[in-house]
Protein backbone atom coordinates (compact mmCIF):
# COMPACT_ATOMS: atom_id res chain seq x y z
CA MET A 1 -32.26 -51.49 102.98
CA VAL A 2 -30.12 -54.29 101.84
CA PHE A 3 -28.58 -52.66 98.79
CA MET A 4 -27.83 -49.88 100.53
CA MET A 5 -25.80 -51.43 103.38
CA SER A 6 -23.47 -53.72 101.05
CA GLN A 7 -22.94 -50.36 99.23
CA SER A 8 -21.81 -48.61 102.02
CA ILE A 9 -19.64 -51.52 103.10
CA GLN A 10 -17.97 -51.14 99.43
CA GLN A 11 -17.65 -48.29 99.92
CA LEU A 12 -15.87 -48.73 103.19
CA GLN A 13 -13.43 -50.98 102.06
CA THR A 14 -12.30 -49.19 98.96
CA LEU A 15 -9.95 -46.55 99.22
CA LYS A 16 -9.41 -44.06 95.98
CA VAL A 17 -5.14 -43.80 97.29
CA PRO A 18 -3.01 -41.29 94.73
CA SER A 19 0.09 -43.34 92.99
CA SER A 20 2.46 -41.82 94.62
CA GLN A 21 0.84 -42.50 97.91
CA LEU A 22 1.36 -46.51 96.59
CA GLN A 23 2.68 -48.59 99.04
CA LEU A 24 3.83 -51.96 98.96
CA GLY A 25 1.71 -54.43 100.58
CA MET A 26 -1.65 -52.58 98.93
CA TYR A 27 -4.27 -54.93 97.50
CA VAL A 28 -5.16 -52.54 93.76
CA SER A 29 -8.53 -53.59 93.06
CA GLU A 30 -9.00 -50.78 90.44
CA LEU A 31 -7.11 -48.68 88.19
CA ASP A 32 -7.52 -45.17 86.60
CA CYS A 33 -7.17 -46.26 83.19
CA ASP A 34 -8.25 -49.25 80.77
CA TRP A 35 -6.44 -52.93 82.46
CA LEU A 36 -6.17 -53.69 78.91
CA ALA A 37 -3.84 -51.09 78.31
CA THR A 38 -1.43 -52.07 81.28
CA PRO A 39 0.66 -54.79 81.43
CA PHE A 40 -1.16 -56.22 84.45
CA LEU A 41 -2.76 -59.31 83.73
CA PHE A 42 -5.04 -59.53 86.42
CA GLN A 43 -7.92 -56.67 87.45
CA GLY A 44 -6.71 -57.04 91.04
CA PHE A 45 -3.45 -57.79 92.99
CA MET A 46 -0.99 -57.63 95.63
CA LEU A 47 1.26 -55.19 95.00
CA ASP A 48 4.30 -57.00 96.27
CA ASP A 49 6.63 -56.07 93.12
CA PRO A 50 8.65 -52.87 93.42
CA ASP A 51 8.73 -52.79 89.42
CA ASP A 52 5.11 -52.83 90.02
CA LEU A 53 4.88 -50.27 92.06
CA PHE A 54 7.03 -47.98 89.94
CA ALA A 55 4.34 -48.71 86.80
CA LEU A 56 1.89 -47.97 88.43
CA LYS A 57 3.11 -44.46 89.74
CA ASN A 58 3.89 -43.85 86.24
CA LEU A 59 0.71 -44.58 84.34
CA CYS A 60 -1.91 -43.67 86.81
CA ASP A 61 -2.92 -40.95 88.75
CA TYR A 62 -4.62 -42.81 91.19
CA VAL A 63 -5.36 -46.59 92.29
CA HIS A 64 -8.61 -47.82 94.53
CA VAL A 65 -6.70 -50.30 96.87
CA ASP A 66 -8.47 -52.83 98.83
CA VAL A 67 -8.31 -52.15 102.75
CA VAL A 68 -9.56 -55.72 104.13
CA LYS A 69 -7.14 -57.60 101.86
CA THR A 70 -4.54 -55.17 101.71
CA ARG A 71 -1.85 -55.85 104.25
CA THR A 72 0.34 -52.80 104.82
CA MET A 73 -0.87 -49.24 104.84
CA THR A 74 -0.22 -46.18 106.93
CA ARG A 75 -2.59 -45.02 109.45
CA ASP A 76 -2.98 -41.50 107.67
CA LEU A 77 -3.94 -43.07 104.28
CA LEU A 78 -6.96 -45.08 105.97
CA LEU A 79 -8.18 -41.91 107.88
CA THR A 80 -7.92 -39.38 104.37
CA PRO A 81 -11.26 -39.79 103.56
CA SER A 82 -11.68 -40.66 99.32
CA VAL A 83 -12.59 -38.04 97.03
CA THR A 84 -14.80 -38.43 94.43
CA GLU A 85 -14.05 -37.63 90.97
CA PRO A 86 -14.52 -38.04 87.34
CA ARG A 87 -13.22 -41.14 86.40
CA LYS A 88 -10.41 -40.23 83.69
CA PRO A 89 -10.63 -42.10 80.41
CA GLN A 90 -7.79 -44.12 78.94
CA ALA A 91 -6.34 -43.00 76.02
CA SER A 92 -7.44 -44.62 72.93
CA TYR A 93 -6.00 -43.65 69.78
CA LYS A 94 -7.43 -44.79 66.76
CA ILE A 95 -5.96 -44.76 62.84
CA SER A 96 -7.25 -41.36 61.44
CA SER A 97 -4.99 -41.07 58.39
CA SER A 98 -4.45 -43.94 56.12
CA ILE A 99 -0.10 -44.46 55.34
CA GLU A 100 -0.96 -43.47 51.76
CA THR A 101 -1.77 -40.67 52.82
CA GLU A 102 0.66 -39.96 56.39
CA ILE A 103 3.69 -40.40 54.48
CA ALA A 104 3.43 -36.97 53.30
CA ASN A 105 3.12 -35.30 56.57
CA ALA A 106 5.38 -37.99 58.43
CA ASN A 107 8.08 -36.58 56.21
CA HIS A 108 7.85 -33.08 56.51
CA SER A 109 7.82 -33.66 59.81
CA TYR A 110 11.01 -36.16 59.96
CA ARG A 111 13.18 -33.71 58.17
CA GLU A 112 12.00 -30.88 60.66
CA SER A 113 12.92 -32.03 63.44
CA PHE A 114 15.85 -34.12 62.23
CA ARG A 115 17.45 -30.06 61.60
CA GLU A 116 16.39 -29.53 64.93
CA ILE A 117 18.32 -32.25 66.77
CA ARG A 118 21.16 -31.53 64.81
CA THR A 119 21.62 -28.17 65.20
CA MET A 120 21.17 -28.83 68.90
CA LEU A 121 24.11 -31.26 68.99
CA ASP A 122 26.10 -28.81 66.93
CA ARG A 123 24.96 -26.36 69.56
CA VAL A 124 26.58 -29.11 72.26
CA CYS A 125 30.03 -29.70 70.18
CA ARG A 126 30.25 -25.87 70.55
CA GLY A 127 29.90 -25.57 74.20
CA GLU A 128 26.51 -23.67 73.55
CA THR A 129 23.19 -24.18 76.31
CA LEU A 130 20.62 -26.33 75.20
CA ASP A 131 16.91 -25.13 74.72
CA ALA A 132 14.49 -26.95 76.12
CA ARG A 133 11.35 -25.61 74.48
CA ARG A 134 12.97 -25.84 71.22
CA MET A 135 13.48 -29.27 71.50
CA ILE A 136 10.02 -29.82 72.67
CA ALA A 137 8.78 -28.06 69.60
CA ALA A 138 10.95 -29.70 67.45
CA VAL A 139 8.92 -33.10 69.38
CA ARG A 140 5.10 -31.92 68.48
CA PRO A 141 5.41 -32.48 64.74
CA CYS A 142 6.63 -36.06 65.22
CA LEU A 143 3.64 -36.46 67.86
CA ASP A 144 1.04 -35.66 66.23
CA SER A 145 2.30 -37.50 63.19
CA ILE A 146 2.54 -40.70 65.55
CA VAL A 147 -1.23 -40.12 67.48
CA ARG A 148 -2.57 -40.21 63.54
CA ASN A 149 -0.44 -43.14 62.16
CA PRO A 150 2.65 -44.00 63.60
CA SER A 151 3.86 -46.79 60.77
CA ALA A 152 4.42 -43.43 58.41
CA LEU A 153 7.25 -42.54 61.14
CA LEU A 154 8.15 -45.54 61.92
CA TRP A 155 8.70 -46.61 57.93
CA LEU A 156 11.11 -43.66 57.83
CA THR A 157 13.10 -44.69 61.42
CA ARG A 158 13.92 -47.36 58.88
CA ILE A 159 15.99 -45.23 56.55
CA LYS A 160 19.52 -44.57 57.78
CA HIS A 161 22.92 -43.05 56.90
CA VAL A 162 25.90 -43.97 58.70
CA ASP A 163 27.53 -40.86 58.69
CA GLN A 164 24.42 -39.25 60.47
CA TYR A 165 24.06 -42.10 63.12
CA THR A 166 23.92 -39.96 66.10
CA ALA A 167 21.27 -37.28 65.04
CA GLU A 168 19.21 -40.39 63.37
CA HIS A 169 19.67 -42.42 66.04
CA CYS A 170 18.36 -40.00 68.79
CA LEU A 171 15.42 -38.80 66.27
CA ASN A 172 14.19 -42.64 65.57
CA VAL A 173 14.42 -43.79 69.58
CA GLY A 174 12.21 -40.56 70.33
CA ILE A 175 9.65 -41.62 67.23
CA GLN A 176 9.18 -45.51 68.41
CA ALA A 177 9.18 -44.15 71.96
CA MET A 178 5.95 -42.35 71.14
CA ALA A 179 4.83 -45.09 69.57
CA LEU A 180 5.18 -47.08 72.11
CA GLY A 181 3.74 -44.57 74.78
CA ARG A 182 0.93 -44.43 72.30
CA HIS A 183 0.36 -48.39 71.77
CA MET A 184 0.39 -48.48 75.49
CA GLY A 185 -2.97 -45.74 75.53
CA LEU A 186 -0.34 -43.17 77.39
CA GLY A 187 -1.68 -39.40 77.62
CA ILE A 188 -0.88 -36.96 74.63
CA LYS A 189 1.35 -35.09 77.65
CA HIS A 190 3.24 -38.23 78.83
CA ILE A 191 3.90 -39.76 75.01
CA GLU A 192 5.28 -36.06 74.35
CA LEU A 193 7.54 -36.53 77.45
CA LEU A 194 8.41 -40.18 75.92
CA GLY A 195 10.02 -38.14 72.53
CA LEU A 196 11.55 -35.82 74.18
CA CYS A 197 13.67 -38.58 76.84
CA GLY A 198 14.20 -40.12 73.48
CA MET A 199 15.47 -37.46 71.42
CA MET A 200 18.01 -35.92 73.80
CA HIS A 201 18.91 -39.10 75.55
CA ASP A 202 22.55 -39.33 73.89
CA VAL A 203 23.85 -36.01 73.53
CA GLY A 204 26.23 -36.57 75.98
CA LYS A 205 28.52 -38.11 73.05
CA MET A 206 28.89 -34.74 71.95
CA ASP A 207 31.40 -34.37 74.04
CA LEU A 208 33.06 -37.25 73.42
CA ASP A 209 36.19 -37.65 71.54
CA GLN A 210 34.74 -38.19 68.13
CA ALA A 211 37.77 -40.49 66.87
CA ILE A 212 36.83 -42.80 69.65
CA LEU A 213 33.46 -42.89 69.32
CA ASN A 214 33.44 -43.36 65.33
CA LYS A 215 36.43 -46.32 65.47
CA PRO A 216 35.89 -48.80 63.52
CA GLY A 217 37.39 -51.38 64.93
CA ARG A 218 37.68 -53.77 68.47
CA LEU A 219 37.79 -50.50 71.47
CA THR A 220 40.22 -50.72 73.86
CA ALA A 221 39.19 -51.09 77.55
CA GLU A 222 40.58 -47.30 77.91
CA GLU A 223 38.39 -45.98 75.30
CA PHE A 224 34.98 -47.90 76.08
CA ALA A 225 35.57 -46.19 79.77
CA HIS A 226 35.72 -42.94 77.74
CA ILE A 227 32.44 -43.57 75.68
CA LYS A 228 30.83 -44.84 78.97
CA LEU A 229 31.43 -41.45 80.55
CA HIS A 230 28.73 -39.88 77.79
CA PRO A 231 25.45 -40.69 79.92
CA VAL A 232 27.34 -38.41 83.18
CA TYR A 233 27.94 -35.34 80.16
CA GLY A 234 24.23 -35.66 78.79
CA ARG A 235 23.28 -34.93 82.66
CA ASP A 236 25.42 -32.27 82.49
CA GLU A 237 24.67 -30.61 79.13
CA LEU A 238 21.15 -30.99 80.06
CA ALA A 239 21.24 -29.59 83.46
CA LYS A 240 22.08 -25.94 82.49
CA ASP A 241 18.77 -25.30 81.18
CA PRO A 242 16.14 -24.88 84.18
CA ASN A 243 13.66 -25.82 82.25
CA MET A 244 14.57 -28.90 80.93
CA PRO A 245 12.09 -32.07 82.78
CA GLU A 246 14.09 -33.84 85.23
CA GLU A 247 12.70 -36.92 83.05
CA VAL A 248 14.86 -36.04 80.50
CA ILE A 249 18.11 -35.65 82.65
CA ARG A 250 17.45 -38.81 84.10
CA VAL A 251 16.60 -40.54 80.60
CA ALA A 252 20.13 -39.00 79.33
CA TYR A 253 22.15 -40.16 82.66
CA SER A 254 20.77 -43.71 83.75
CA HIS A 255 19.68 -45.41 80.19
CA HIS A 256 22.53 -47.95 80.15
CA GLU A 257 21.77 -49.03 83.49
CA ARG A 258 20.43 -52.44 83.81
CA LEU A 259 17.53 -54.12 86.03
CA ASP A 260 19.95 -56.20 87.52
CA GLY A 261 22.19 -53.65 88.19
CA LYS A 262 25.16 -54.26 86.33
CA GLY A 263 25.03 -51.42 83.79
CA TYR A 264 26.42 -47.90 84.20
CA PRO A 265 27.39 -45.68 84.83
CA CYS A 266 26.44 -46.06 88.49
CA GLN A 267 25.29 -49.72 88.13
CA LEU A 268 21.66 -48.69 90.37
CA PRO A 269 19.18 -50.99 91.54
CA ALA A 270 16.01 -51.64 89.54
CA SER A 271 14.15 -49.70 92.36
CA SER A 272 16.13 -46.86 90.98
CA LEU A 273 14.70 -46.65 86.95
CA ASP A 274 11.48 -44.76 86.69
CA PHE A 275 9.29 -46.03 83.67
CA TYR A 276 11.13 -43.24 81.30
CA ILE A 277 14.38 -45.07 81.89
CA ARG A 278 12.85 -48.38 81.26
CA ALA A 279 11.52 -47.50 78.03
CA ILE A 280 13.52 -45.85 76.25
CA THR A 281 16.48 -48.17 77.50
CA ILE A 282 14.76 -50.82 75.67
CA VAL A 283 14.11 -48.67 72.33
CA ASP A 284 17.72 -47.15 72.93
CA ALA A 285 19.17 -51.35 72.16
CA TYR A 286 16.10 -51.75 69.69
CA ASP A 287 16.97 -49.00 67.21
CA ALA A 288 21.21 -49.21 67.81
CA ILE A 289 20.32 -53.46 66.98
CA THR A 290 19.45 -52.87 63.83
CA SER A 291 21.79 -49.84 62.63
CA SER A 292 24.83 -49.94 61.02
CA ARG A 293 27.84 -48.94 62.51
CA CYS A 294 31.38 -47.98 61.60
CA TYR A 295 32.31 -50.83 63.55
CA SER A 296 29.54 -53.39 62.83
CA SER A 297 26.85 -54.21 60.49
CA SER A 298 22.89 -54.12 61.66
CA HIS A 299 20.16 -57.12 62.10
CA THR A 300 17.21 -57.65 61.44
CA SER A 301 13.60 -56.06 63.03
CA ALA A 302 13.05 -59.65 64.01
CA GLU A 303 16.35 -60.67 65.18
CA ALA A 304 16.67 -57.05 67.22
CA LEU A 305 13.47 -58.47 69.26
CA LYS A 306 14.61 -61.36 70.39
CA ILE A 307 17.96 -60.46 71.61
CA LEU A 308 15.46 -58.04 73.77
CA TYR A 309 13.04 -61.07 74.82
CA ASN A 310 16.01 -63.22 75.73
CA ASN A 311 16.95 -60.48 78.17
CA ARG A 312 13.93 -59.39 79.48
CA GLY A 313 13.94 -59.02 83.37
CA THR A 314 17.61 -58.68 83.58
CA GLN A 315 18.73 -55.78 80.82
CA PHE A 316 15.46 -54.56 80.39
CA ASP A 317 11.70 -53.90 81.95
CA GLU A 318 9.82 -57.64 81.10
CA LYS A 319 6.64 -56.34 80.68
CA LEU A 320 8.07 -53.30 79.08
CA VAL A 321 10.03 -55.56 76.44
CA VAL A 322 6.62 -57.51 75.74
CA SER A 323 4.66 -54.19 74.89
CA PHE A 324 7.42 -52.85 72.89
CA ILE A 325 7.18 -56.37 70.52
CA GLU A 326 3.74 -55.83 70.35
CA CYS A 327 4.01 -52.11 69.66
CA ILE A 328 6.52 -52.73 66.88
CA GLY A 329 5.40 -55.99 65.59
CA ILE A 330 7.33 -58.75 64.52
CA TYR A 331 7.04 -57.07 60.84
CA PRO A 332 7.82 -52.99 61.58
CA PRO A 333 6.87 -50.68 58.95
CA GLY A 334 9.39 -50.33 56.74
CA SER A 335 11.35 -53.48 57.09
CA LEU A 336 12.16 -55.83 53.84
CA VAL A 337 10.41 -59.38 53.79
CA GLU A 338 10.97 -62.19 51.62
CA MET A 339 7.49 -64.02 50.84
CA ASN A 340 6.95 -67.65 50.35
CA THR A 341 6.99 -67.37 46.23
CA GLY A 342 10.61 -65.33 46.27
CA GLU A 343 9.42 -62.38 45.68
CA VAL A 344 10.64 -59.54 47.74
CA GLY A 345 8.76 -56.67 49.42
CA VAL A 346 8.67 -53.41 51.93
CA VAL A 347 6.61 -53.62 54.42
CA LEU A 348 4.10 -50.21 54.48
CA SER A 349 1.77 -51.09 57.62
CA VAL A 350 0.33 -53.50 60.25
CA ASP A 351 -3.00 -54.14 61.04
CA PRO A 352 -3.47 -54.48 65.08
CA MET A 353 -6.09 -57.16 64.41
CA HIS A 354 -3.63 -59.04 61.95
CA ARG A 355 0.02 -58.37 63.42
CA LEU A 356 1.55 -61.10 61.32
CA GLN A 357 -0.04 -60.27 58.31
CA PRO A 358 1.16 -56.79 56.94
CA LYS A 359 0.36 -54.57 53.80
CA ILE A 360 3.69 -55.05 51.84
CA ALA A 361 4.88 -53.46 48.77
CA LEU A 362 6.45 -56.11 46.36
CA VAL A 363 10.02 -54.30 44.29
CA ARG A 364 11.51 -57.74 43.65
CA ASP A 365 10.01 -60.71 41.88
CA GLU A 366 10.67 -64.22 42.27
CA ASN A 367 14.39 -63.84 40.63
CA LYS A 368 15.18 -60.64 42.98
CA GLN A 369 14.61 -58.47 39.98
CA PRO A 370 13.11 -54.84 40.34
CA ILE A 371 10.08 -55.15 39.25
CA GLU A 372 6.72 -52.22 39.49
CA GLN A 373 5.62 -52.05 42.65
CA VAL A 374 2.64 -54.12 43.52
CA ILE A 375 0.66 -53.82 47.37
CA VAL A 376 -0.36 -56.79 48.78
CA ASP A 377 -2.78 -56.81 52.09
CA LEU A 378 -1.98 -59.90 53.57
CA ALA A 379 -5.04 -59.40 56.25
CA ALA A 380 -7.16 -59.42 53.48
CA SER A 381 -6.37 -63.32 52.79
CA VAL A 382 -8.54 -64.29 55.40
CA SER A 383 -11.24 -63.46 53.06
CA ASP A 384 -9.57 -63.48 49.70
CA LEU A 385 -8.66 -67.06 48.45
CA ASP A 386 -6.72 -65.34 46.16
CA MET A 387 -4.18 -63.84 48.43
CA ALA A 388 -4.25 -66.91 50.46
CA ARG A 389 -1.12 -68.02 48.35
CA TYR A 390 1.03 -65.24 49.99
CA TRP A 391 2.84 -64.90 53.06
CA VAL A 392 6.54 -63.95 54.61
CA SER A 393 8.83 -66.61 54.59
CA LYS A 394 11.90 -64.73 56.34
CA VAL A 395 12.49 -61.03 57.77
CA LEU A 396 15.67 -59.57 55.80
CA VAL A 397 18.29 -57.16 56.27
CA ASP A 398 18.08 -53.58 55.12
CA GLY A 399 19.61 -52.77 52.18
CA SER A 400 19.17 -56.71 50.66
CA TYR A 401 18.87 -56.90 46.66
CA GLY A 402 19.64 -53.33 46.50
CA ILE A 403 16.94 -52.31 47.97
CA ASP A 404 17.23 -48.88 49.39
CA LEU A 405 14.17 -47.46 51.20
CA GLY A 406 15.41 -43.49 51.11
CA THR A 407 15.01 -43.98 47.36
CA PHE A 408 11.77 -46.47 47.16
CA THR A 409 8.24 -44.90 45.97
CA ALA A 410 6.32 -45.30 48.97
CA ALA A 411 2.50 -44.83 48.70
CA ASN A 412 3.34 -43.43 45.16
CA ILE A 413 5.57 -41.06 47.01
CA ARG A 414 9.04 -40.77 46.09
CA LEU A 415 10.88 -39.38 48.99
CA THR A 416 13.79 -38.42 47.09
CA ASP A 417 11.84 -36.14 44.15
CA THR A 418 10.85 -33.07 45.91
CA GLU A 419 11.83 -34.05 48.96
CA GLU A 420 14.70 -35.76 50.76
CA VAL A 421 14.18 -37.19 53.96
CA ILE A 422 17.18 -35.42 55.71
């Protein structure tokens, strides 16, 4: 009898609320997904922060609200009976393909998606309407590869060409955004949408004066004002297709907005920036910082992540920055590193359980001379005394010591022999 009474009290105390109806002042006691896969630190919290409200609306279909602890709730919600549904399983992705196996699939997917993005940008230049369905189809090959093993495509995003910056940047942002979604345990549809948002976020740059966009020197105030129009142009181009998801249009329009309201083109407040905008803003900045441009040199991945971290809470969403750093890691696949021995290698993959001990292909000796590649798995140093002598000393800028990832043999597959990346 006592058990039945306590059970009834618990049912009355907890109310299942669709995430679309969440309000500030509610006490969230349970999610429809794994707490560990979300940016929330505590299992149960008062919903006081508008940022948390937006995050819940994007990550969950519904939550359980503690009626007793809640400060604010409309009468309609209190009178709405809770409907019992099967608990939606949080996506949990396992590495199902090794980097050695996946690199060939990833390379094919990268080239296929790159061609579609370049075609899309050319269509904009010719004044033609974009085809959302065709672009969604272009996302899927990369999505499949990301789900199997994100390291392969993340490795390929490090191969960059200055003269193909816009197309490569759009593709790389889409890939890195999908990797972030996978890391956060989002469902496939959400990951796919993140990829589409990333791949199309900079389409408005095709309507800019290309001489100004590619100017090698410092921009004048008038020229920078012109560059700042590309989100407006992007929104207008994407809105021409009735099949274009609203999230994609919003991201194109708002990916240069900031949480502190100092972004452009509209200086929107944080409350107007949804999950997709916040995520793409971070990934867009990371890829731009790690890329060489006609007017600036690239930074290392470690430097880029430090910039993101230092600007969390003002320019970037703090919790998403942390999630992105966890996703990419201090030593992202494809980054160049120097070992404590002076040898230089390329990071192939990173074990999530040993993020500071990546798998590396050594390609330069201690004198920085080319050598036949040697695979070193630093995670093995935990149990292998011979491997314990190796550790990463520092991260290098891409292209250091003449190492060109475009011709590098990854997992015994030379990308430029039978299949060029681009």
